[in-house]
Amino acid sequence: MAKPHVAILGLGTMGAGMAARLLSASFPLTVYNRNRDKTLAFSRGGAGVANSPREAASHGDIVISMVADDVASRNIWFGENGALAGAQRRSVLIESSTLSVGYVKELAVAAARRECEFLDAPVTGTKPHAASGQLLFLVGGPASVLDAVRPVLSAMSRDVIHLGPHGSGAMMKLINNFVCGVQAASFAEAISMVEAAGLDQATAVRILTEGAPGSGIVKRIATQLTADDDPNFTLRLMAKDLAYAVSEASAQGMQLRTALAALEIFKQAVAAGHGDEDFSAVTKAFAQRGPL
């Protein structure tokens, strides 16, 4: 059987890696990005380039969006030139961005009105995972729809996990990221305490990363303390995800106290000018405040 034509909306840090994986797996591909310069490499690789989300969606049996937040997603899907206006009847629309659950459910309803199928399928992983096809998809929506598109998602991932109805994937992604954010903030605070106490940072970091606190997130941030690499996941986006998680919990009558504390730390780091750096730069917010 012929492979389905896929449209990718958004060629940022994650979307570009996902699109490259689909091209390498020989899926017919159309891409759209607001900054057209980012489409050039894909055009040279054989992908079609659309002038609008609407045009991109009109070519896709499967349409995948990967953008920054609710506002960016709304701009991609809705409006006269939005992907919903161009989506083919019975096509599968997949939102892989990290978004609020309420908005994702709104998008699912809008897709149904267009007689399209919809999945919320955010991913865990960073730029290298996207480039190497090692993402993890967290999927909400009908299992039958997921089964139909699983070969496409599998080309970009190490696993695809179905979590339940629409919104389930979005919710699990926010839970995942708020736990990551809390760990990152606590490690940043720990480094500040190490410095204030006059302890040797390298020794302290070795103890923390090789001992019980040494989660994947803690180890990742530790390796970035002396590095200046391009961001794999920006600090601003982590702050956004923490804020969405806090809001979703509040809607359920819960208060995420550790997430609230972490959010405040990330807000301080954004205010200090580190928003577009890798989220591991949260450690710099404490360094600029001076000794405890």
C-alpha atoms as a PDB file:
ATOM      1  CA  MET A   1       0.000   0.000   0.000  1.00  0.00           C
ATOM      2  CA  ALA A   2       1.132   3.539  -0.730  1.00  0.00           C
ATOM      3  CA  LYS A   3       2.385   5.463   2.281  1.00  0.00           C
ATOM      4  CA  PRO A   4       0.113   8.286   3.478  1.00  0.00           C
ATOM      5  CA  HIS A   5       1.041  11.853   2.628  1.00  0.00           C
ATOM      6  CA  VAL A   6       2.059  13.705   5.795  1.00  0.00           C
ATOM      7  CA  ALA A   7       2.024  17.457   6.404  1.00  0.00           C
ATOM      8  CA  ILE A   8       4.230  18.890   9.151  1.00  0.00           C
ATOM      9  CA  LEU A   9       3.305  22.318  10.499  1.00  0.00           C
ATOM     10  CA  GLY A  10       6.214  23.926  12.350  1.00  0.00           C
ATOM     11  CA  LEU A  11       9.918  23.269  11.746  1.00  0.00           C
ATOM     12  CA  GLY A  12      11.372  24.379  15.044  1.00  0.00           C
ATOM     13  CA  THR A  13      13.707  22.363  17.253  1.00  0.00           C
ATOM     14  CA  MET A  14      11.412  19.333  17.340  1.00  0.00           C
ATOM     15  CA  GLY A  15       9.396  19.669  14.157  1.00  0.00           C
ATOM     16  CA  ALA A  16      12.486  19.777  11.955  1.00  0.00           C
ATOM     17  CA  GLY A  17      13.787  16.514  13.395  1.00  0.00           C
ATOM     18  CA  MET A  18      10.394  14.865  12.994  1.00  0.00           C
ATOM     19  CA  ALA A  19      10.102  15.997   9.381  1.00  0.00           C
ATOM     20  CA  ALA A  20      13.609  14.736   8.599  1.00  0.00           C
ATOM     21  CA  ARG A  21      12.742  11.314  10.004  1.00  0.00           C
ATOM     22  CA  LEU A  22       9.653  11.074   7.814  1.00  0.00           C
ATOM     23  CA  LEU A  23      11.647  12.036   4.739  1.00  0.00           C
ATOM     24  CA  SER A  24      14.283   9.427   5.559  1.00  0.00           C
ATOM     25  CA  ALA A  25      11.497   6.838   5.856  1.00  0.00           C
ATOM     26  CA  SER A  26      10.229   7.829   2.378  1.00  0.00           C
ATOM     27  CA  PHE A  27       6.873   9.254   3.466  1.00  0.00           C
ATOM     28  CA  PRO A  28       5.476  11.789   0.984  1.00  0.00           C
ATOM     29  CA  LEU A  29       5.845  15.065   2.888  1.00  0.00           C
ATOM     30  CA  THR A  30       4.674  18.662   2.764  1.00  0.00           C
ATOM     31  CA  VAL A  31       6.049  21.165   5.247  1.00  0.00           C
ATOM     32  CA  TYR A  32       4.998  24.590   6.425  1.00  0.00           C
ATOM     33  CA  ASN A  33       6.926  27.026   8.577  1.00  0.00           C
ATOM     34  CA  ARG A  34       6.322  30.712   9.203  1.00  0.00           C
ATOM     35  CA  ASN A  35      10.019  31.398   8.503  1.00  0.00           C
ATOM     36  CA  ARG A  36      10.354  29.959   5.008  1.00  0.00           C
ATOM     37  CA  ASP A  37      14.159  29.714   5.278  1.00  0.00           C
ATOM     38  CA  LYS A  38      13.682  26.667   7.517  1.00  0.00           C
ATOM     39  CA  THR A  39      11.910  24.823   4.706  1.00  0.00           C
ATOM     40  CA  LEU A  40      14.828  24.982   2.252  1.00  0.00           C
ATOM     41  CA  ALA A  41      16.615  21.834   3.414  1.00  0.00           C
ATOM     42  CA  PHE A  42      13.378  19.871   3.202  1.00  0.00           C
ATOM     43  CA  SER A  43      12.600  21.196  -0.260  1.00  0.00           C
ATOM     44  CA  ARG A  44      16.026  20.042  -1.407  1.00  0.00           C
ATOM     45  CA  GLY A  45      15.256  16.644   0.148  1.00  0.00           C
ATOM     46  CA  GLY A  46      12.087  16.221  -1.895  1.00  0.00           C
ATOM     47  CA  ALA A  47       9.376  17.639   0.393  1.00  0.00           C
ATOM     48  CA  GLY A  48       6.713  19.983  -0.861  1.00  0.00           C
ATOM     49  CA  VAL A  49       6.654  23.449   0.706  1.00  0.00           C
ATOM     50  CA  ALA A  50       3.315  25.107   1.449  1.00  0.00           C
ATOM     51  CA  ASN A  51       2.672  28.824   1.685  1.00  0.00           C
ATOM     52  CA  SER A  52       0.123  28.455   4.484  1.00  0.00           C
ATOM     53  CA  PRO A  53      -1.103  25.875   6.994  1.00  0.00           C
ATOM     54  CA  ARG A  54      -4.263  25.604   4.916  1.00  0.00           C
ATOM     55  CA  GLU A  55      -2.295  24.663   1.806  1.00  0.00           C
ATOM     56  CA  ALA A  56      -0.158  22.170   3.728  1.00  0.00           C
ATOM     57  CA  ALA A  57      -3.195  20.451   5.250  1.00  0.00           C
ATOM     58  CA  SER A  58      -4.898  20.194   1.851  1.00  0.00           C
ATOM     59  CA  HIS A  59      -2.121  17.806   0.772  1.00  0.00           C
ATOM     60  CA  GLY A  60      -2.013  15.697   3.930  1.00  0.00           C
ATOM     61  CA  ASP A  61      -3.707  12.436   4.773  1.00  0.00           C
ATOM     62  CA  ILE A  62      -2.099  13.033   8.166  1.00  0.00           C
ATOM     63  CA  VAL A  63      -1.410  16.554   9.437  1.00  0.00           C
ATOM     64  CA  ILE A  64       0.965  17.035  12.393  1.00  0.00           C
ATOM     65  CA  SER A  65       1.487  20.303  14.241  1.00  0.00           C
ATOM     66  CA  MET A  66       4.540  20.983  16.424  1.00  0.00           C
ATOM     67  CA  VAL A  67       4.602  24.549  17.732  1.00  0.00           C
ATOM     68  CA  ALA A  68       5.343  26.439  20.952  1.00  0.00           C
ATOM     69  CA  ASP A  69       2.075  27.025  22.782  1.00  0.00           C
ATOM     70  CA  ASP A  70      -1.717  27.456  22.639  1.00  0.00           C
ATOM     71  CA  VAL A  71      -1.464  30.780  20.810  1.00  0.00           C
ATOM     72  CA  ALA A  72       0.844  29.405  18.117  1.00  0.00           C
ATOM     73  CA  SER A  73      -1.330  26.315  17.723  1.00  0.00           C
ATOM     74  CA  ARG A  74      -4.483  28.395  17.355  1.00  0.00           C
ATOM     75  CA  ASN A  75      -2.774  30.457  14.658  1.00  0.00           C
ATOM     76  CA  ILE A  76      -1.773  27.268  12.823  1.00  0.00           C
ATOM     77  CA  TRP A  77      -5.159  25.526  12.915  1.00  0.00           C
ATOM     78  CA  PHE A  78      -7.817  28.233  12.915  1.00  0.00           C
ATOM     79  CA  GLY A  79      -8.707  31.104  10.618  1.00  0.00           C
ATOM     80  CA  GLU A  80      -9.096  31.522   6.873  1.00  0.00           C
ATOM     81  CA  ASN A  81      -5.578  30.240   6.157  1.00  0.00           C
ATOM     82  CA  GLY A  82      -5.490  27.750   9.033  1.00  0.00           C
ATOM     83  CA  ALA A  83      -4.989  24.024   8.645  1.00  0.00           C
ATOM     84  CA  LEU A  84      -8.576  23.211   9.607  1.00  0.00           C
ATOM     85  CA  ALA A  85      -9.844  25.184   6.613  1.00  0.00           C
ATOM     86  CA  GLY A  86      -7.741  23.070   4.255  1.00  0.00           C
ATOM     87  CA  ALA A  87      -7.988  19.676   5.935  1.00  0.00           C
ATOM     88  CA  GLN A  88      -9.374  16.863   3.820  1.00  0.00           C
ATOM     89  CA  ARG A  89     -12.458  15.038   5.064  1.00  0.00           C
ATOM     90  CA  ARG A  90     -11.469  11.918   7.064  1.00  0.00           C
ATOM     91  CA  SER A  91      -7.835  13.031   7.330  1.00  0.00           C
ATOM     92  CA  VAL A  92      -6.130  12.563  10.702  1.00  0.00           C
ATOM     93  CA  LEU A  93      -5.082  15.743  12.496  1.00  0.00           C
ATOM     94  CA  ILE A  94      -2.410  15.321  15.168  1.00  0.00           C
ATOM     95  CA  GLU A  95      -1.379  17.998  17.643  1.00  0.00           C
ATOM     96  CA  SER A  96       2.055  17.120  19.028  1.00  0.00           C
ATOM     97  CA  SER A  97       2.755  20.427  20.759  1.00  0.00           C
ATOM     98  CA  THR A  98       2.681  20.746  24.560  1.00  0.00           C
ATOM     99  CA  LEU A  99      -0.587  22.601  25.147  1.00  0.00           C
ATOM    100  CA  SER A 100      -3.304  23.158  27.705  1.00  0.00           C
ATOM    101  CA  VAL A 101      -5.832  20.344  27.988  1.00  0.00           C
ATOM    102  CA  GLY A 102      -8.811  22.661  27.579  1.00  0.00           C
ATOM    103  CA  TYR A 103      -7.514  24.005  24.300  1.00  0.00           C
ATOM    104  CA  VAL A 104      -6.723  20.491  23.003  1.00  0.00           C
ATOM    105  CA  LYS A 105     -10.304  19.405  23.659  1.00  0.00           C
ATOM    106  CA  GLU A 106     -11.545  22.508  21.829  1.00  0.00           C
ATOM    107  CA  LEU A 107      -9.365  21.562  18.869  1.00  0.00           C
ATOM    108  CA  ALA A 108     -10.736  18.003  18.919  1.00  0.00           C
ATOM    109  CA  VAL A 109     -14.288  19.364  18.643  1.00  0.00           C
ATOM    110  CA  ALA A 110     -13.278  21.673  15.794  1.00  0.00           C
ATOM    111  CA  ALA A 111     -11.685  18.745  13.945  1.00  0.00           C
ATOM    112  CA  ALA A 112     -14.860  16.679  14.314  1.00  0.00           C
ATOM    113  CA  ARG A 113     -16.882  19.527  12.804  1.00  0.00           C
ATOM    114  CA  ARG A 114     -14.610  19.282   9.755  1.00  0.00           C
ATOM    115  CA  GLU A 115     -15.266  15.500   9.677  1.00  0.00           C
ATOM    116  CA  CYS A 116     -11.625  14.829  10.498  1.00  0.00           C
ATOM    117  CA  GLU A 117     -10.123  12.473  13.051  1.00  0.00           C
ATOM    118  CA  PHE A 118      -8.000  13.988  15.816  1.00  0.00           C
ATOM    119  CA  LEU A 119      -5.292  12.869  18.217  1.00  0.00           C
ATOM    120  CA  ASP A 120      -3.396  14.838  20.835  1.00  0.00           C
ATOM    121  CA  ALA A 121       0.064  13.282  20.706  1.00  0.00           C
ATOM    122  CA  PRO A 122       2.702  15.371  22.471  1.00  0.00           C
ATOM    123  CA  VAL A 123       6.184  13.924  22.758  1.00  0.00           C
ATOM    124  CA  THR A 124       8.856  13.520  25.373  1.00  0.00           C
ATOM    125  CA  GLY A 125      12.456  14.003  24.314  1.00  0.00           C
ATOM    126  CA  THR A 126      14.722  16.754  23.046  1.00  0.00           C
ATOM    127  CA  LYS A 127      16.337  17.817  19.770  1.00  0.00           C
ATOM    128  CA  PRO A 128      18.684  14.777  19.541  1.00  0.00           C
ATOM    129  CA  HIS A 129      15.757  12.411  20.211  1.00  0.00           C
ATOM    130  CA  ALA A 130      13.730  14.014  17.416  1.00  0.00           C
ATOM    131  CA  ALA A 131      16.650  13.805  15.002  1.00  0.00           C
ATOM    132  CA  SER A 132      17.331  10.134  15.786  1.00  0.00           C
ATOM    133  CA  GLY A 133      13.710   8.955  15.907  1.00  0.00           C
ATOM    134  CA  GLN A 134      13.757   8.304  19.652  1.00  0.00           C
ATOM    135  CA  LEU A 135      10.786  10.393  20.754  1.00  0.00           C
ATOM    136  CA  LEU A 136       8.016   8.979  22.940  1.00  0.00           C
ATOM    137  CA  PHE A 137       4.485   9.825  21.805  1.00  0.00           C
ATOM    138  CA  LEU A 138       1.823  10.238  24.515  1.00  0.00           C
ATOM    139  CA  VAL A 139      -1.493   9.858  22.735  1.00  0.00           C
ATOM    140  CA  GLY A 140      -5.060  10.828  23.559  1.00  0.00           C
ATOM    141  CA  GLY A 141      -7.952   9.923  21.268  1.00  0.00           C
ATOM    142  CA  PRO A 142      -9.603   6.859  19.716  1.00  0.00           C
ATOM    143  CA  ALA A 143      -7.409   3.758  19.713  1.00  0.00           C
ATOM    144  CA  SER A 144      -8.602   2.878  16.206  1.00  0.00           C
ATOM    145  CA  VAL A 145      -7.330   6.189  14.854  1.00  0.00           C
ATOM    146  CA  LEU A 146      -3.992   5.685  16.575  1.00  0.00           C
ATOM    147  CA  ASP A 147      -3.702   2.216  15.027  1.00  0.00           C
ATOM    148  CA  ALA A 148      -4.212   3.736  11.583  1.00  0.00           C
ATOM    149  CA  VAL A 149      -1.396   6.290  11.982  1.00  0.00           C
ATOM    150  CA  ARG A 150       0.961   4.254  14.150  1.00  0.00           C
ATOM    151  CA  PRO A 151       3.406   3.540  11.276  1.00  0.00           C
ATOM    152  CA  VAL A 152       3.910   7.282  10.820  1.00  0.00           C
ATOM    153  CA  LEU A 153       4.436   7.948  14.527  1.00  0.00           C
ATOM    154  CA  SER A 154       6.695   4.909  14.825  1.00  0.00           C
ATOM    155  CA  ALA A 155       9.019   6.358  12.177  1.00  0.00           C
ATOM    156  CA  MET A 156       9.704   9.236  14.566  1.00  0.00           C
ATOM    157  CA  SER A 157       9.758   7.440  17.899  1.00  0.00           C
ATOM    158  CA  ARG A 158      10.977   4.673  20.159  1.00  0.00           C
ATOM    159  CA  ASP A 159       7.435   4.034  21.408  1.00  0.00           C
ATOM    160  CA  VAL A 160       3.844   5.222  21.086  1.00  0.00           C
ATOM    161  CA  ILE A 161       1.666   5.022  24.211  1.00  0.00           C
ATOM    162  CA  HIS A 162      -2.128   5.330  24.154  1.00  0.00           C
ATOM    163  CA  LEU A 163      -3.393   6.961  27.352  1.00  0.00           C
ATOM    164  CA  GLY A 164      -7.128   7.376  26.806  1.00  0.00           C
ATOM    165  CA  PRO A 165      -9.620   9.822  25.262  1.00  0.00           C
ATOM    166  CA  HIS A 166      -8.860  13.256  23.841  1.00  0.00           C
ATOM    167  CA  GLY A 167      -6.828  15.343  26.261  1.00  0.00           C
ATOM    168  CA  SER A 168      -5.156  12.370  27.944  1.00  0.00           C
ATOM    169  CA  GLY A 169      -1.907  12.777  26.049  1.00  0.00           C
ATOM    170  CA  ALA A 170      -1.843  16.507  26.714  1.00  0.00           C
ATOM    171  CA  MET A 171      -2.460  15.972  30.426  1.00  0.00           C
ATOM    172  CA  MET A 172       0.241  13.321  30.784  1.00  0.00           C
ATOM    173  CA  LYS A 173       2.745  15.556  28.982  1.00  0.00           C
ATOM    174  CA  LEU A 174       2.089  18.417  31.411  1.00  0.00           C
ATOM    175  CA  ILE A 175       2.490  16.060  34.372  1.00  0.00           C
ATOM    176  CA  ASN A 176       5.737  14.758  32.892  1.00  0.00           C
ATOM    177  CA  ASN A 177       7.116  18.243  32.310  1.00  0.00           C
ATOM    178  CA  PHE A 178       6.122  19.670  35.661  1.00  0.00           C
ATOM    179  CA  VAL A 179       8.034  16.856  37.373  1.00  0.00           C
ATOM    180  CA  CYS A 180      11.026  17.655  35.153  1.00  0.00           C
ATOM    181  CA  GLY A 181      10.715  21.350  35.967  1.00  0.00           C
ATOM    182  CA  VAL A 182      10.594  20.710  39.697  1.00  0.00           C
ATOM    183  CA  GLN A 183      13.741  18.588  39.492  1.00  0.00           C
ATOM    184  CA  ALA A 184      15.519  21.242  37.441  1.00  0.00           C
ATOM    185  CA  ALA A 185      14.575  24.008  39.862  1.00  0.00           C
ATOM    186  CA  SER A 186      15.621  22.002  42.916  1.00  0.00           C
ATOM    187  CA  PHE A 187      18.990  21.187  41.345  1.00  0.00           C
ATOM    188  CA  ALA A 188      19.532  24.854  40.504  1.00  0.00           C
ATOM    189  CA  GLU A 189      18.758  25.743  44.114  1.00  0.00           C
ATOM    190  CA  ALA A 190      21.126  23.016  45.325  1.00  0.00           C
ATOM    191  CA  ILE A 191      23.983  24.415  43.230  1.00  0.00           C
ATOM    192  CA  SER A 192      23.316  27.852  44.691  1.00  0.00           C
ATOM    193  CA  MET A 193      23.550  26.375  48.191  1.00  0.00           C
ATOM    194  CA  VAL A 194      26.774  24.543  47.286  1.00  0.00           C
ATOM    195  CA  GLU A 195      28.348  27.797  46.133  1.00  0.00           C
ATOM    196  CA  ALA A 196      27.118  29.784  49.137  1.00  0.00           C
ATOM    197  CA  ALA A 197      28.584  27.164  51.484  1.00  0.00           C
ATOM    198  CA  GLY A 198      31.953  27.290  49.740  1.00  0.00           C
ATOM    199  CA  LEU A 199      31.866  23.638  48.696  1.00  0.00           C
ATOM    200  CA  ASP A 200      33.675  22.455  45.594  1.00  0.00           C
ATOM    201  CA  GLN A 201      31.065  22.442  42.826  1.00  0.00           C
ATOM    202  CA  ALA A 202      32.562  19.597  40.805  1.00  0.00           C
ATOM    203  CA  THR A 203      32.661  17.322  43.835  1.00  0.00           C
ATOM    204  CA  ALA A 204      29.146  18.244  44.881  1.00  0.00           C
ATOM    205  CA  VAL A 205      27.791  17.672  41.377  1.00  0.00           C
ATOM    206  CA  ARG A 206      29.440  14.239  41.246  1.00  0.00           C
ATOM    207  CA  ILE A 207      27.816  13.273  44.542  1.00  0.00           C
ATOM    208  CA  LEU A 208      24.392  14.498  43.409  1.00  0.00           C
ATOM    209  CA  THR A 209      24.493  12.912  39.968  1.00  0.00           C
ATOM    210  CA  GLU A 210      25.961   9.565  41.044  1.00  0.00           C
ATOM    211  CA  GLY A 211      23.743   9.218  44.097  1.00  0.00           C
ATOM    212  CA  ALA A 212      19.992   8.907  44.662  1.00  0.00           C
ATOM    213  CA  PRO A 213      19.134  12.412  43.311  1.00  0.00           C
ATOM    214  CA  GLY A 214      20.809  11.616  39.979  1.00  0.00           C
ATOM    215  CA  SER A 215      17.788  11.451  37.688  1.00  0.00           C
ATOM    216  CA  GLY A 216      18.116  11.896  33.950  1.00  0.00           C
ATOM    217  CA  ILE A 217      17.095  15.544  34.276  1.00  0.00           C
ATOM    218  CA  VAL A 218      19.629  16.243  37.037  1.00  0.00           C
ATOM    219  CA  LYS A 219      22.397  14.575  35.035  1.00  0.00           C
ATOM    220  CA  ARG A 220      21.440  16.512  31.921  1.00  0.00           C
ATOM    221  CA  ILE A 221      21.535  19.864  33.707  1.00  0.00           C
ATOM    222  CA  ALA A 222      24.827  18.960  35.375  1.00  0.00           C
ATOM    223  CA  THR A 223      26.451  18.406  31.973  1.00  0.00           C
ATOM    224  CA  GLN A 224      25.243  21.855  30.888  1.00  0.00           C
ATOM    225  CA  LEU A 225      26.767  23.754  33.810  1.00  0.00           C
ATOM    226  CA  THR A 226      29.959  24.413  31.876  1.00  0.00           C
ATOM    227  CA  ALA A 227      28.620  23.963  28.334  1.00  0.00           C
ATOM    228  CA  ASP A 228      27.268  26.585  25.954  1.00  0.00           C
ATOM    229  CA  ASP A 229      25.438  24.429  23.431  1.00  0.00           C
ATOM    230  CA  ASP A 230      22.386  25.366  21.387  1.00  0.00           C
ATOM    231  CA  PRO A 231      19.213  24.871  23.447  1.00  0.00           C
ATOM    232  CA  ASN A 232      17.462  21.533  23.114  1.00  0.00           C
ATOM    233  CA  PHE A 233      14.468  22.819  25.088  1.00  0.00           C
ATOM    234  CA  THR A 234      14.254  26.472  26.039  1.00  0.00           C
ATOM    235  CA  LEU A 235      13.798  27.797  29.535  1.00  0.00           C
ATOM    236  CA  ARG A 236      10.830  29.881  28.355  1.00  0.00           C
ATOM    237  CA  LEU A 237       9.003  26.750  27.188  1.00  0.00           C
ATOM    238  CA  MET A 238       9.586  24.995  30.509  1.00  0.00           C
ATOM    239  CA  ALA A 239       8.080  28.007  32.291  1.00  0.00           C
ATOM    240  CA  LYS A 240       5.099  27.802  29.946  1.00  0.00           C
ATOM    241  CA  ASP A 241       4.614  24.091  30.642  1.00  0.00           C
ATOM    242  CA  LEU A 242       4.788  24.622  34.391  1.00  0.00           C
ATOM    243  CA  ALA A 243       2.171  27.367  34.114  1.00  0.00           C
ATOM    244  CA  TYR A 244      -0.134  25.123  32.074  1.00  0.00           C
ATOM    245  CA  ALA A 245       0.270  22.284  34.584  1.00  0.00           C
ATOM    246  CA  VAL A 246      -0.530  24.583  37.511  1.00  0.00           C
ATOM    247  CA  SER A 247      -3.627  25.823  35.683  1.00  0.00           C
ATOM    248  CA  GLU A 248      -4.866  22.317  34.823  1.00  0.00           C
ATOM    249  CA  ALA A 249      -4.429  21.159  38.415  1.00  0.00           C
ATOM    250  CA  SER A 250      -6.274  24.225  39.677  1.00  0.00           C
ATOM    251  CA  ALA A 251      -9.198  23.391  37.374  1.00  0.00           C
ATOM    252  CA  GLN A 252      -9.393  20.021  39.152  1.00  0.00           C
ATOM    253  CA  GLY A 253      -9.323  21.617  42.609  1.00  0.00           C
ATOM    254  CA  MET A 254      -5.644  20.794  43.204  1.00  0.00           C
ATOM    255  CA  GLN A 255      -2.682  22.994  44.056  1.00  0.00           C
ATOM    256  CA  LEU A 256       0.671  21.865  42.704  1.00  0.00           C
ATOM    257  CA  ARG A 257       2.806  23.449  45.399  1.00  0.00           C
ATOM    258  CA  THR A 258       6.145  22.150  44.136  1.00  0.00           C
ATOM    259  CA  ALA A 259       5.257  23.196  40.580  1.00  0.00           C
ATOM    260  CA  LEU A 260       4.274  26.667  41.795  1.00  0.00           C
ATOM    261  CA  ALA A 261       7.635  27.050  43.512  1.00  0.00           C
ATOM    262  CA  ALA A 262       9.473  25.831  40.411  1.00  0.00           C
ATOM    263  CA  LEU A 263       7.432  28.139  38.206  1.00  0.00           C
ATOM    264  CA  GLU A 264       8.476  31.139  40.277  1.00  0.00           C
ATOM    265  CA  ILE A 265      12.135  30.164  39.883  1.00  0.00           C
ATOM    266  CA  PHE A 266      11.755  29.781  36.119  1.00  0.00           C
ATOM    267  CA  LYS A 267       9.929  33.116  35.889  1.00  0.00           C
ATOM    268  CA  GLN A 268      12.874  34.753  37.640  1.00  0.00           C
ATOM    269  CA  ALA A 269      15.253  33.164  35.133  1.00  0.00           C
ATOM    270  CA  VAL A 270      13.148  34.422  32.211  1.00  0.00           C
ATOM    271  CA  ALA A 271      13.051  37.915  33.731  1.00  0.00           C
ATOM    272  CA  ALA A 272      16.847  37.774  34.056  1.00  0.00           C
ATOM    273  CA  GLY A 273      17.138  37.276  30.298  1.00  0.00           C
ATOM    274  CA  HIS A 274      17.633  33.497  30.051  1.00  0.00           C
ATOM    275  CA  GLY A 275      14.303  32.611  28.419  1.00  0.00           C
ATOM    276  CA  ASP A 276      15.752  31.630  25.060  1.00  0.00           C
ATOM    277  CA  GLU A 277      18.596  29.571  26.545  1.00  0.00           C
ATOM    278  CA  ASP A 278      18.392  25.866  27.339  1.00  0.00           C
ATOM    279  CA  PHE A 279      16.205  25.274  30.387  1.00  0.00           C
ATOM    280  CA  SER A 280      19.299  24.136  32.298  1.00  0.00           C
ATOM    281  CA  ALA A 281      20.174  27.846  32.469  1.00  0.00           C
ATOM    282  CA  VAL A 282      17.749  28.055  35.394  1.00  0.00           C
ATOM    283  CA  THR A 283      20.923  27.681  37.518  1.00  0.00           C
ATOM    284  CA  LYS A 284      21.965  31.166  36.368  1.00  0.00           C
ATOM    285  CA  ALA A 285      18.988  32.787  38.057  1.00  0.00           C
ATOM    286  CA  PHE A 286      20.474  31.868  41.424  1.00  0.00           C
ATOM    287  CA  ALA A 287      24.009  32.816  40.440  1.00  0.00           C
ATOM    288  CA  GLN A 288      22.851  36.362  39.684  1.00  0.00           C
ATOM    289  CA  ARG A 289      21.126  36.699  43.041  1.00  0.00           C
ATOM    290  CA  GLY A 290      24.357  36.242  44.934  1.00  0.00           C
ATOM    291  CA  PRO A 291      24.934  34.358  48.219  1.00  0.00           C
ATOM    292  CA  LEU A 292      21.981  33.113  50.219  1.00  0.00           C
END
